[in-house]
Amino acid sequence: NYLNELKKRNIPSLLISARFYAEQIYFKAWARWAKKLLFLVDRILVQDSISKGLLESIEYKNVELTGDTRYDRVDELSRNKDHFPLIESFIGSKKVFIAGSSWPLDEKVIIPYMLNSKHDIKYIIAPHDVGSEHINSLINKCGAMAITYSRIHELSDEKILIIDGIGMLSRLYKYAAISYIGGAFKEGLHNILEPASYGLPVITGPHHKGFLEGPEMEAAGALFKVNDANDFASIMDRLLENMQVYTKASHAAKAFISDNKGASKKTSIIIEAYLN
């Protein structure tokens, strides 16, 4: 309805950072009504060549490959100057591992390593669910080795910090050396671009379907998939004990973000042309 009204009033409409899949209804021979909806959009700017090819296959001509603006956004976020004094006190001079947007299946994989690792590092868990029931469950699993952010103080000497609030995660990656991003066991992979923008090797669960950057980061050597706690322990030990492996993965993560930047500028130029 919105698109029809825009077309009636001669108001240009653009779809930005779009991504399409062959399985979508727009590309089914029997769904002409759905296909017509796309033709109400004056111009579609897509993330990848597959999306461009799909649109061209249904004779949509006003398509341009501009990339994904998220890369510019995470690069910008990685330059933040925010500081968290209590977290810095908790970390001290130790290396840090951070688990972002974790779910119970992810925590089942990572917590055994945290409790039994021979490496003297600090761990931060920023779970997806910060409700009291889940936070208490994490505390029970980690025992005396853990403290929550709401209870941390300058003299805290625990090994594991549990973030029991929201809005901090993207700014905490700068303190870490290695990251784990949750959701790839069941719920859907969370944002792996944010830690990569800080040059962090990224570890995830096994399922990346529908997330273009997952397989691409893995191919670039910046991401490692694990199936269980043993896989996780093996990857962690490699990254912590072999500086060559770690450095290669870190550089690959940073380069992956850098190589994919620029969509925002391309998009703004096209928008400016419509405005003028």
Protein backbone atom coordinates (compact mmCIF):
# COMPACT_ATOMS: atom_id res chain seq x y z
CA ASN A 1 0.00 0.00 0.00
CA TYR A 2 2.80 2.40 0.84
CA LEU A 3 4.58 1.67 -2.42
CA ASN A 4 1.40 2.13 -4.43
CA GLU A 5 0.76 5.51 -2.79
CA LEU A 6 4.33 6.63 -3.42
CA LYS A 7 4.01 5.68 -7.08
CA LYS A 8 0.67 7.53 -7.42
CA ARG A 9 2.20 10.70 -5.95
CA ASN A 10 5.39 10.44 -8.04
CA ILE A 11 7.56 10.20 -4.91
CA PRO A 12 10.77 8.25 -5.66
CA SER A 13 11.40 5.12 -3.56
CA LEU A 14 14.74 3.39 -3.10
CA LEU A 15 15.54 0.09 -1.46
CA ILE A 16 18.99 0.23 0.17
CA SER A 17 21.40 -2.61 1.09
CA ALA A 18 18.91 -5.15 -0.23
CA ARG A 19 19.63 -8.83 -0.48
CA PHE A 20 17.57 -11.41 -2.34
CA TYR A 21 17.42 -15.20 -2.45
CA ALA A 22 16.27 -17.52 -5.21
CA GLU A 23 13.80 -19.12 -2.77
CA GLN A 24 11.88 -15.87 -2.28
CA ILE A 25 8.38 -15.51 -3.67
CA TYR A 26 9.39 -12.67 -6.03
CA PHE A 27 11.21 -15.16 -8.22
CA LYS A 28 8.51 -17.83 -8.44
CA ALA A 29 6.85 -18.13 -11.84
CA TRP A 30 3.38 -18.36 -10.29
CA ALA A 31 3.73 -15.28 -8.04
CA ARG A 32 3.33 -12.45 -10.53
CA TRP A 33 1.57 -10.28 -7.93
CA ALA A 34 4.64 -10.41 -5.68
CA LYS A 35 6.95 -9.62 -8.58
CA LYS A 36 4.91 -6.50 -9.38
CA LEU A 37 5.64 -5.15 -5.90
CA LEU A 38 9.34 -4.91 -6.70
CA PHE A 39 8.60 -2.91 -9.82
CA LEU A 40 6.93 -0.24 -7.67
CA VAL A 41 10.38 0.57 -6.25
CA ASP A 42 12.19 3.09 -8.44
CA ARG A 43 15.68 1.81 -7.72
CA ILE A 44 17.10 -1.09 -5.75
CA LEU A 45 20.63 -0.99 -4.36
CA VAL A 46 21.85 -4.50 -3.55
CA GLN A 47 24.55 -6.01 -1.38
CA ASP A 48 25.83 -8.70 -3.73
CA SER A 49 25.97 -9.84 -7.34
CA ILE A 50 23.60 -12.78 -6.71
CA SER A 51 20.85 -10.34 -5.72
CA LYS A 52 21.56 -8.22 -8.79
CA GLY A 53 21.34 -11.26 -11.05
CA LEU A 54 18.05 -12.37 -9.52
CA LEU A 55 16.44 -8.99 -10.14
CA GLU A 56 17.76 -8.88 -13.68
CA SER A 57 16.34 -12.36 -14.27
CA ILE A 58 12.82 -10.97 -13.80
CA GLU A 59 13.61 -7.99 -16.05
CA TYR A 60 14.03 -5.48 -13.24
CA LYS A 61 16.50 -2.98 -14.72
CA ASN A 62 16.98 -0.24 -12.09
CA VAL A 63 19.34 -2.23 -9.91
CA GLU A 64 22.83 -1.31 -8.80
CA LEU A 65 25.43 -3.21 -6.80
CA THR A 66 26.52 -0.85 -4.00
CA GLY A 67 27.36 -3.22 -1.14
CA ASP A 68 26.31 -3.44 2.50
CA THR A 69 26.24 -0.23 4.58
CA ARG A 70 26.69 -2.27 7.79
CA TYR A 71 30.43 -2.48 7.11
CA ASP A 72 30.75 1.29 7.27
CA ARG A 73 28.68 1.37 10.44
CA VAL A 74 30.74 -1.21 12.33
CA ASP A 75 33.95 0.47 11.17
CA GLU A 76 32.65 3.72 12.62
CA LEU A 77 31.67 2.03 15.89
CA SER A 78 35.15 0.51 16.24
CA ARG A 79 36.57 4.02 16.56
CA ASN A 80 34.56 4.84 19.70
CA LYS A 81 36.40 6.40 22.62
CA ASP A 82 34.14 5.13 25.41
CA HIS A 83 35.77 3.73 28.52
CA PHE A 84 34.44 1.47 31.24
CA PRO A 85 36.71 1.97 34.26
CA LEU A 86 35.33 -0.95 36.27
CA ILE A 87 35.76 -3.33 33.34
CA GLU A 88 39.29 -2.04 32.79
CA SER A 89 39.99 -2.69 36.46
CA PHE A 90 38.54 -6.21 36.15
CA ILE A 91 40.71 -6.92 33.11
CA GLY A 92 43.96 -5.46 34.39
CA SER A 93 46.75 -6.52 32.05
CA LYS A 94 45.20 -9.84 31.06
CA LYS A 95 44.07 -10.96 27.63
CA VAL A 96 40.31 -11.01 27.22
CA PHE A 97 37.87 -13.38 25.54
CA ILE A 98 34.35 -12.05 24.96
CA ALA A 99 31.21 -14.01 24.14
CA GLY A 100 28.60 -11.75 22.55
CA SER A 101 24.85 -12.43 22.28
CA SER A 102 25.21 -15.94 23.65
CA TRP A 103 22.33 -18.37 24.08
CA PRO A 104 22.20 -21.45 26.36
CA LEU A 105 23.47 -23.76 23.60
CA ASP A 106 26.46 -21.45 23.08
CA GLU A 107 27.15 -21.24 26.81
CA LYS A 108 27.10 -25.01 27.04
CA VAL A 109 30.03 -24.99 24.61
CA ILE A 110 32.11 -22.14 26.04
CA ILE A 111 31.67 -22.29 29.82
CA PRO A 112 33.53 -25.61 30.39
CA TYR A 113 36.62 -24.07 28.80
CA MET A 114 36.35 -20.97 30.95
CA LEU A 115 36.16 -23.03 34.12
CA ASN A 116 38.98 -25.44 33.25
CA SER A 117 41.36 -23.59 30.93
CA LYS A 118 45.05 -23.53 31.75
CA HIS A 119 45.36 -20.04 30.25
CA ASP A 120 45.42 -17.07 32.59
CA ILE A 121 42.97 -14.82 30.78
CA LYS A 122 39.74 -12.99 31.59
CA TYR A 123 36.34 -13.87 30.16
CA ILE A 124 33.36 -11.65 29.48
CA ILE A 125 29.93 -13.08 28.67
CA ALA A 126 27.33 -10.69 27.23
CA PRO A 127 24.28 -12.95 26.84
CA HIS A 128 21.38 -12.27 24.52
CA ASP A 129 18.94 -12.75 27.38
CA VAL A 130 19.75 -10.52 30.36
CA GLY A 131 16.65 -11.50 32.33
CA SER A 132 17.24 -12.41 35.97
CA GLU A 133 16.46 -16.10 35.41
CA HIS A 134 19.12 -16.51 32.74
CA ILE A 135 21.68 -14.38 34.56
CA ASN A 136 21.20 -16.43 37.73
CA SER A 137 21.59 -19.60 35.66
CA LEU A 138 24.92 -18.33 34.33
CA ILE A 139 26.10 -17.42 37.80
CA ASN A 140 25.23 -20.90 39.06
CA LYS A 141 27.12 -22.53 36.16
CA CYS A 142 30.21 -20.38 36.63
CA GLY A 143 30.20 -20.40 40.44
CA ALA A 144 32.62 -18.31 42.47
CA MET A 145 34.71 -17.57 39.36
CA ALA A 146 32.05 -15.14 38.07
CA ILE A 147 30.66 -11.73 38.92
CA THR A 148 27.98 -9.64 37.21
CA TYR A 149 28.63 -6.16 35.84
CA SER A 150 26.05 -4.66 38.20
CA ARG A 151 28.05 -5.96 41.18
CA ILE A 152 31.58 -5.43 39.96
CA HIS A 153 33.92 -3.23 42.00
CA GLU A 154 37.54 -2.12 41.70
CA LEU A 155 38.85 -5.00 43.78
CA SER A 156 37.04 -7.73 41.85
CA ASP A 157 39.40 -10.61 41.12
CA GLU A 158 36.94 -13.04 39.51
CA LYS A 159 37.82 -14.67 36.21
CA ILE A 160 34.45 -14.32 34.45
CA LEU A 161 32.40 -11.15 34.05
CA ILE A 162 28.70 -11.52 33.14
CA ILE A 163 27.16 -8.44 31.53
CA ASP A 164 23.66 -8.19 33.01
CA GLY A 165 22.58 -5.07 31.10
CA ILE A 166 22.04 -4.02 27.49
CA GLY A 167 23.60 -1.52 25.09
CA MET A 168 27.27 -2.15 25.93
CA LEU A 169 28.38 -5.04 23.75
CA SER A 170 29.51 -3.19 20.61
CA ARG A 171 31.75 -0.99 22.77
CA LEU A 172 33.28 -3.85 24.75
CA TYR A 173 34.95 -5.62 21.84
CA LYS A 174 37.85 -3.16 21.99
CA TYR A 175 38.96 -4.80 25.24
CA ALA A 176 39.09 -8.29 23.77
CA ALA A 177 41.57 -10.43 21.85
CA ILE A 178 39.19 -13.23 20.78
CA SER A 179 35.41 -13.29 20.34
CA TYR A 180 32.61 -15.81 20.21
CA ILE A 181 29.28 -14.78 18.68
CA GLY A 182 26.15 -16.65 19.61
CA GLY A 183 23.08 -17.87 17.76
CA ALA A 184 24.62 -20.21 15.19
CA PHE A 185 23.44 -23.36 16.92
CA LYS A 186 19.74 -22.65 16.65
CA GLU A 187 18.42 -19.10 16.96
CA GLY A 188 20.26 -17.40 14.09
CA LEU A 189 23.74 -15.94 14.02
CA HIS A 190 24.16 -12.54 15.65
CA ASN A 191 26.41 -9.70 14.50
CA ILE A 192 29.87 -11.03 13.60
CA LEU A 193 30.93 -7.82 11.84
CA GLU A 194 31.25 -5.81 15.05
CA PRO A 195 34.05 -7.92 16.61
CA ALA A 196 35.74 -8.31 13.22
CA SER A 197 35.93 -4.52 12.90
CA TYR A 198 38.21 -4.55 15.96
CA GLY A 199 40.41 -7.20 14.39
CA LEU A 200 39.13 -10.01 16.60
CA PRO A 201 39.14 -13.60 15.38
CA VAL A 202 35.51 -14.76 15.55
CA ILE A 203 34.31 -18.16 16.76
CA THR A 204 30.71 -19.28 16.18
CA GLY A 205 28.46 -22.29 16.15
CA PRO A 206 28.00 -24.34 12.97
CA HIS A 207 24.96 -22.85 11.20
CA HIS A 208 25.34 -19.73 9.04
CA LYS A 209 22.54 -20.25 6.53
CA GLY A 210 21.22 -16.93 5.32
CA PHE A 211 24.22 -14.97 6.59
CA LEU A 212 26.45 -14.12 3.64
CA GLU A 213 29.26 -12.73 5.79
CA GLY A 214 29.62 -15.98 7.79
CA PRO A 215 30.93 -18.21 4.97
CA GLU A 216 32.90 -15.29 3.51
CA MET A 217 34.65 -14.55 6.80
CA GLU A 218 35.37 -18.24 7.27
CA ALA A 219 36.90 -18.43 3.78
CA ALA A 220 39.00 -15.35 4.57
CA GLY A 221 40.41 -17.06 7.68
CA ALA A 222 38.77 -14.69 10.17
CA LEU A 223 36.03 -17.00 11.45
CA PHE A 224 36.11 -20.45 13.02
CA LYS A 225 33.05 -22.71 13.30
CA VAL A 226 32.70 -25.16 16.18
CA ASN A 227 30.27 -28.02 16.75
CA ASP A 228 30.84 -28.70 20.42
CA ALA A 229 32.92 -27.90 23.51
CA ASN A 230 35.88 -29.96 22.28
CA ASP A 231 36.01 -28.02 19.01
CA PHE A 232 35.83 -24.76 20.94
CA ALA A 233 38.66 -25.75 23.28
CA SER A 234 40.84 -26.75 20.33
CA ILE A 235 40.31 -23.43 18.51
CA MET A 236 40.87 -21.40 21.67
CA ASP A 237 44.12 -23.18 22.44
CA ARG A 238 45.37 -22.64 18.87
CA LEU A 239 44.60 -18.93 18.98
CA LEU A 240 46.12 -18.46 22.42
CA GLU A 241 49.21 -20.61 21.95
CA ASN A 242 50.17 -19.94 18.33
CA MET A 243 50.81 -16.25 17.70
CA GLN A 244 51.14 -16.83 13.95
CA VAL A 245 47.66 -18.38 13.78
CA TYR A 246 46.20 -15.60 15.92
CA THR A 247 47.85 -12.76 13.99
CA LYS A 248 46.76 -14.18 10.65
CA ALA A 249 43.13 -14.45 11.81
CA SER A 250 43.18 -10.98 13.36
CA HIS A 251 44.55 -9.36 10.22
CA ALA A 252 42.03 -11.28 8.11
CA ALA A 253 39.15 -9.97 10.24
CA LYS A 254 40.26 -6.36 9.96
CA ALA A 255 40.91 -6.69 6.22
CA PHE A 256 37.50 -8.27 5.66
CA ILE A 257 35.78 -5.18 7.07
CA SER A 258 38.08 -2.78 5.23
CA ASP A 259 37.62 -4.55 1.89
CA ASN A 260 33.83 -4.30 2.13
CA LYS A 261 33.52 -0.67 3.16
CA GLY A 262 32.22 2.07 0.88
CA ALA A 263 28.54 1.23 0.42
CA SER A 264 27.41 4.26 2.43
CA LYS A 265 29.21 6.71 0.15
CA LYS A 266 27.88 5.03 -3.01
CA THR A 267 24.37 5.04 -1.56
CA SER A 268 24.51 8.70 -0.49
CA ILE A 269 25.61 9.77 -3.98
CA ILE A 270 22.60 8.02 -5.52
CA ILE A 271 20.21 9.53 -2.94
CA GLU A 272 21.65 13.00 -3.54
CA ALA A 273 20.98 12.61 -7.26
CA TYR A 274 17.30 11.96 -6.52
CA LEU A 275 17.08 14.89 -4.11
CA ASN A 276 18.61 17.29 -6.61
